Protein backbone atom coordinates (compact mmCIF):
# COMPACT_ATOMS: atom_id res chain seq x y z
CA MET A 1 11.69 4.62 31.05
CA ASN A 2 15.50 4.24 31.89
CA GLU A 3 17.70 4.38 28.73
CA ASN A 4 19.97 1.90 30.12
CA ASN A 5 17.26 -0.79 30.43
CA ILE A 6 16.42 -0.02 26.69
CA ILE A 7 19.96 -0.74 25.70
CA THR A 8 20.20 -3.95 27.87
CA ASP A 9 17.02 -5.40 26.77
CA ALA A 10 16.46 -4.51 23.06
CA ARG A 11 18.12 -6.48 20.08
CA LEU A 12 19.54 -4.38 17.36
CA MET A 13 18.65 -5.20 13.93
CA ILE A 14 21.43 -5.05 11.34
CA ARG A 15 20.24 -5.16 7.62
CA VAL A 16 23.24 -6.09 5.25
CA SER A 17 22.43 -5.98 1.53
CA ARG A 18 25.12 -6.16 -1.22
CA HIS A 19 24.85 -2.38 -1.60
CA SER A 20 23.77 -1.02 1.82
CA LEU A 21 23.68 -1.13 5.53
CA ALA A 22 21.05 -0.11 7.94
CA PHE A 23 20.28 -0.56 11.59
CA ALA A 24 17.01 -0.50 13.56
CA VAL A 25 15.86 -1.09 17.19
CA SER A 26 12.81 -1.00 19.21
CA ASN A 27 12.29 1.95 21.48
CA PRO A 28 9.07 2.65 23.23
CA ILE A 29 9.98 6.29 23.62
CA ALA A 30 10.84 6.98 19.91
CA VAL A 31 8.14 8.60 17.74
CA ASN A 32 7.42 5.67 15.83
CA LYS A 33 8.34 3.20 18.47
CA VAL A 34 11.34 2.00 16.41
CA GLU A 35 14.62 4.00 15.55
CA TYR A 36 15.89 3.34 12.00
CA GLU A 37 19.25 4.52 10.75
CA PRO A 38 20.51 3.82 7.22
CA TYR A 39 24.27 4.02 6.59
CA THR A 40 25.78 5.10 3.28
CA VAL A 41 28.31 2.41 2.38
CA ARG A 42 31.71 3.34 0.68
CA SER A 43 32.43 1.63 -2.57
CA GLY A 44 35.69 0.01 -3.04
CA ILE A 45 35.89 -1.61 0.38
CA SER A 46 34.27 -4.60 1.78
CA MET A 47 30.97 -4.59 3.63
CA ALA A 48 33.00 -5.94 6.62
CA ALA A 49 35.01 -2.82 6.47
CA ASN A 50 32.02 -0.56 5.98
CA LEU A 51 30.53 -2.01 9.05
CA ARG A 52 33.64 -1.42 11.18
CA GLU A 53 33.54 2.20 10.06
CA ALA A 54 29.75 2.32 10.88
CA PHE A 55 30.57 1.49 14.59
CA GLN A 56 32.56 4.70 14.67
CA GLU A 57 29.98 6.70 13.03
CA CYS A 58 26.32 5.41 13.55
CA THR A 59 24.13 6.55 16.62
CA LEU A 60 22.80 3.23 17.16
CA LEU A 61 25.90 1.13 16.89
CA GLY A 62 27.51 3.46 19.62
CA ARG A 63 24.98 2.70 22.25
CA GLY A 64 26.38 -0.54 23.38
CA TYR A 65 23.60 -2.84 22.56
CA GLN A 66 24.71 -6.53 23.45
CA ARG A 67 22.27 -8.41 21.18
CA ALA A 68 21.84 -8.26 17.51
CA GLN A 69 19.70 -9.81 14.69
CA ALA A 70 21.46 -9.70 11.29
CA LEU A 71 19.44 -9.95 8.10
CA ILE A 72 21.83 -11.11 5.39
CA ASP A 73 21.35 -10.68 1.74
CA SER A 74 23.12 -13.50 -0.09
CA PRO A 75 22.07 -16.15 -2.80
CA VAL A 76 19.59 -18.58 -1.12
CA LEU A 77 19.21 -22.30 -1.92
CA MET A 78 15.77 -23.63 -0.86
CA VAL A 79 15.81 -27.30 0.21
CA PRO A 80 12.70 -29.37 0.88
CA ILE A 81 12.73 -30.01 4.60
CA GLN A 82 12.42 -33.80 4.07
CA GLU A 83 15.59 -33.84 1.90
CA PHE A 84 17.74 -31.66 4.23
CA GLU A 85 20.89 -33.15 5.51
CA GLU A 86 22.94 -30.87 7.68
CA GLU A 87 26.30 -32.84 7.00
CA ASN A 88 25.84 -32.06 3.26
CA VAL A 89 25.06 -28.40 3.69
CA GLU A 90 28.69 -26.89 2.54
CA ASP A 91 28.98 -29.29 -0.44
CA PHE A 92 25.45 -28.79 -1.55
CA TYR A 93 25.43 -25.04 -1.40
CA HIS A 94 28.98 -24.52 -3.00
CA HIS A 95 28.04 -27.02 -5.88
CA THR A 96 24.86 -25.10 -6.65
CA MET A 97 26.12 -21.52 -5.75
CA PRO A 98 29.79 -21.22 -7.02
CA GLY A 99 31.81 -18.20 -6.35
CA GLN A 100 31.23 -18.17 -2.58
CA GLN A 101 34.73 -18.40 -1.32
CA GLY A 102 35.40 -16.78 1.94
CA PHE A 103 31.84 -17.28 3.04
CA GLU A 104 30.47 -19.54 5.65
CA VAL A 105 27.32 -21.51 4.58
CA VAL A 106 24.52 -21.39 7.25
CA TYR A 107 20.80 -22.39 7.15
CA GLN A 108 17.52 -21.37 8.45
CA VAL A 109 14.73 -23.83 8.93
CA LEU A 110 11.36 -22.60 7.75
CA PRO A 111 8.91 -25.24 9.29
CA GLU A 112 5.76 -23.54 8.19
CA LEU A 113 6.99 -23.63 4.58
CA LYS A 114 8.44 -27.14 4.95
CA ALA A 115 11.78 -25.93 3.56
CA VAL A 116 15.27 -24.93 4.68
CA ALA A 117 16.90 -21.85 3.33
CA LEU A 118 20.59 -22.34 2.82
CA TYR A 119 22.54 -19.09 2.50
CA SER A 120 26.14 -17.59 3.14
CA ILE A 121 27.79 -15.03 5.31
CA ASN A 122 30.98 -13.37 4.77
CA ARG A 123 33.48 -14.58 7.40
CA ASP A 124 34.99 -11.26 7.97
CA LEU A 125 31.52 -9.73 8.36
CA LYS A 126 30.42 -12.26 10.84
CA LEU A 127 33.62 -11.62 12.83
CA VAL A 128 32.94 -7.93 12.93
CA MET A 129 29.55 -8.65 14.34
CA THR A 130 30.58 -11.38 16.80
CA ASP A 131 33.41 -9.13 18.13
CA HIS A 132 31.01 -6.27 18.97
CA PHE A 133 27.88 -8.29 20.27
CA LYS A 134 27.66 -10.93 22.91
CA ASN A 135 24.76 -12.70 21.07
CA VAL A 136 24.10 -12.44 17.32
CA ARG A 137 21.39 -14.20 15.41
CA PHE A 138 21.34 -14.49 11.66
CA MET A 139 18.55 -14.86 9.07
CA PRO A 140 18.18 -14.55 5.44
CA LEU A 141 16.99 -11.04 4.42
CA MET A 142 14.04 -12.39 2.75
CA GLN A 143 12.56 -14.48 5.56
CA PRO A 144 10.12 -11.93 7.01
CA VAL A 145 8.85 -11.23 3.45
CA TRP A 146 8.34 -14.93 2.62
CA GLN A 147 6.45 -15.41 5.86
CA LEU A 148 4.29 -12.35 5.33
CA HIS A 149 3.17 -13.31 1.73
CA HIS A 150 2.72 -16.97 2.82
CA LYS A 151 0.17 -15.79 5.33
CA ARG A 152 -1.44 -13.49 2.65
CA SER A 153 -1.68 -16.61 0.21
CA TYR A 154 -4.50 -18.17 2.19
CA THR A 155 -6.95 -15.31 1.08
CA GLY A 156 -9.08 -16.22 -1.82
CA ILE A 157 -8.98 -19.39 -4.23
CA SER A 158 -6.94 -17.91 -7.03
CA ARG A 159 -3.24 -18.86 -7.33
CA LYS A 160 -0.79 -16.31 -6.71
CA LEU A 161 2.84 -15.24 -7.88
CA TYR A 162 4.86 -12.93 -5.68
CA GLY A 163 7.45 -10.37 -6.99
CA HIS A 164 9.37 -8.43 -4.18
CA PHE A 165 11.89 -5.75 -5.06
CA HIS A 166 14.86 -4.84 -2.94
CA ASP A 167 18.46 -3.65 -3.56
CA ARG A 168 18.62 -3.93 -7.31
CA THR A 169 17.05 -7.50 -7.06
CA LEU A 170 13.77 -9.03 -7.96
CA GLU A 171 12.78 -12.01 -5.84
CA ILE A 172 9.97 -14.15 -7.35
CA PHE A 173 8.21 -16.77 -5.43
CA SER A 174 5.05 -18.91 -5.09
CA PHE A 175 3.45 -21.16 -2.59
CA GLU A 176 1.42 -24.49 -3.00
CA LYS A 177 0.07 -26.54 -0.14
CA ASN A 178 2.07 -24.89 2.62
CA ARG A 179 5.34 -25.14 0.67
CA PHE A 180 7.36 -23.18 -1.86
CA ARG A 181 6.31 -23.95 -5.43
CA PHE A 182 8.82 -21.61 -6.93
CA CYS A 183 11.55 -19.40 -5.42
CA ASN A 184 14.40 -17.63 -7.34
CA SER A 185 15.98 -14.10 -7.46
CA PHE A 186 17.11 -11.92 -10.35
CA ASP A 187 19.50 -9.05 -10.50
CA THR A 188 17.67 -6.18 -12.10
CA ASN A 189 16.61 -2.68 -11.50
CA ARG A 190 15.06 -2.06 -14.79
CA ILE A 191 11.28 -2.32 -15.87
CA ASN A 192 11.74 -4.36 -19.04
CA ASP A 193 13.91 -6.97 -17.23
CA ALA A 194 11.44 -7.17 -14.37
CA VAL A 195 8.35 -7.68 -16.69
CA TYR A 196 10.21 -10.20 -18.65
CA PHE A 197 11.31 -12.29 -15.42
CA LEU A 198 7.83 -12.12 -13.95
CA LEU A 199 6.00 -13.14 -17.04
CA TYR A 200 8.56 -15.82 -17.75
CA VAL A 201 7.93 -17.50 -14.41
CA TRP A 202 4.20 -16.87 -14.67
CA LYS A 203 4.12 -18.76 -18.07
CA ASN A 204 6.28 -21.70 -16.80
CA LEU A 205 3.99 -22.15 -13.79
CA ALA A 206 1.07 -22.20 -16.13
CA MET A 207 -0.77 -19.47 -14.49
CA ASP A 208 -4.02 -18.17 -15.82
CA ASN A 209 -3.86 -14.50 -17.20
CA THR A 210 -7.52 -13.61 -16.11
CA THR A 211 -8.10 -15.63 -12.80
CA ASP A 212 -4.64 -15.89 -11.11
CA GLU A 213 -3.04 -13.09 -9.24
CA LEU A 214 0.45 -11.19 -9.41
CA HIS A 215 1.32 -9.69 -6.22
CA LEU A 216 4.21 -7.02 -6.07
CA SER A 217 5.84 -5.49 -3.01
CA GLY A 218 9.14 -3.61 -2.09
CA ASP A 219 11.01 -0.80 -3.74
CA MET A 220 9.74 -1.04 -7.39
CA PRO A 221 11.42 0.85 -10.26
CA GLU A 222 8.95 3.27 -12.06
CA ARG A 223 6.05 1.68 -10.39
CA GLU A 224 3.21 2.99 -12.60
CA GLN A 225 4.98 2.12 -15.72
CA LEU A 226 5.76 -1.35 -14.35
CA ILE A 227 2.09 -1.96 -13.51
CA GLU A 228 0.97 -0.64 -16.78
CA GLN A 229 3.11 -2.98 -18.82
CA LEU A 230 2.20 -6.07 -16.64
CA HIS A 231 -1.50 -5.22 -17.13
CA ARG A 232 -1.13 -5.96 -20.62
CA PHE A 233 -0.58 -9.46 -19.96
CA VAL A 234 -2.12 -10.17 -16.39
CA LYS A 235 -5.53 -8.92 -15.39
CA LYS A 236 -5.14 -9.16 -11.57
CA VAL A 237 -2.06 -7.24 -10.53
CA TYR A 238 -1.92 -6.02 -6.83
CA ILE A 239 0.56 -3.87 -4.91
CA LEU A 240 1.25 -4.38 -1.26
CA ASN A 241 0.93 -1.05 0.80
CA PRO A 242 2.76 -1.67 4.16
CA THR A 243 1.02 1.18 5.93
CA ALA A 244 -2.48 -0.41 5.02
CA GLU A 245 -1.13 -4.06 5.48
CA PHE A 246 -0.11 -3.24 8.99
CA ASN A 247 -3.06 -1.02 10.03
CA ARG A 248 -1.01 2.12 10.18
CA THR A 249 1.28 0.47 12.88
CA PRO A 250 3.74 3.13 13.62
CA VAL A 251 6.56 1.34 12.26
CA SER A 252 5.01 1.18 8.82
CA LEU A 253 5.01 5.00 8.72
CA ILE A 254 8.94 5.34 8.85
CA LYS A 255 10.12 6.66 5.52
CA GLY A 256 12.47 4.51 3.58
CA MET A 257 12.48 1.60 5.88
CA PRO A 258 12.48 -1.66 3.82
CA LEU A 259 9.56 -4.05 3.89
CA ASP A 260 11.63 -6.74 5.58
CA LEU A 261 12.49 -4.66 8.59
CA VAL A 262 8.90 -3.28 8.78
CA THR A 263 7.55 -6.86 8.93
CA LEU A 264 9.95 -7.95 11.66
CA PHE A 265 8.93 -5.01 13.89
CA ALA A 266 5.22 -5.11 13.06
CA LYS A 267 4.86 -8.70 14.00
CA LYS A 268 6.24 -8.03 17.52
């Protein structure tokens, strides 16, 4: 296959967390059909400045892709779709999420979940992307993970609580009747904090310790100890294995690739 066609047709994925950058793109001639390139960010400079430097250093960014999909890790405000009003997005978000000066508020409609996710993008970071790509789409980083677990929530009759670990953050959410029942994030990379947050939400949702299920995914800190502590209080604790979940799809075998990116490519 002509390499120029790959560059023209492919959409480059740009994953932006608060502490890291990574890039990925479909490539039918690559070993795992996807090329993945993490980038080590420099502390002390903005993520926009890091991305500018990445354009000078990263292989994938130097190929001249014209289209990009950016996964943005920023605080999310989930609004029921029937209560969403576009003209109030800025005021609603800034009132609920203070300290977001210098950020543009955007939103993603999640029709299958009957919700709209409000989140923010640093204006300088967005400018770097729009300067380098003719077409850029944005989505909250957690969107592929929400959608993955939402589909899985239909299995069995037990209620389910989900905990997803990424980038020193624990995302906790639950679904009921095709909509979010709970959705929040907690900054932590410590076992004791994670156990506390998970059990606190579990208790507040009045979930049953013997019949309901706790499902965990992502980059868990000290996984075995975490599960051991949770099992003291919750009988049914399950760990999502991306390789098994996606039937050993080649992208699921890429070492170190976050679940959000794996899910995006596995769904194609």
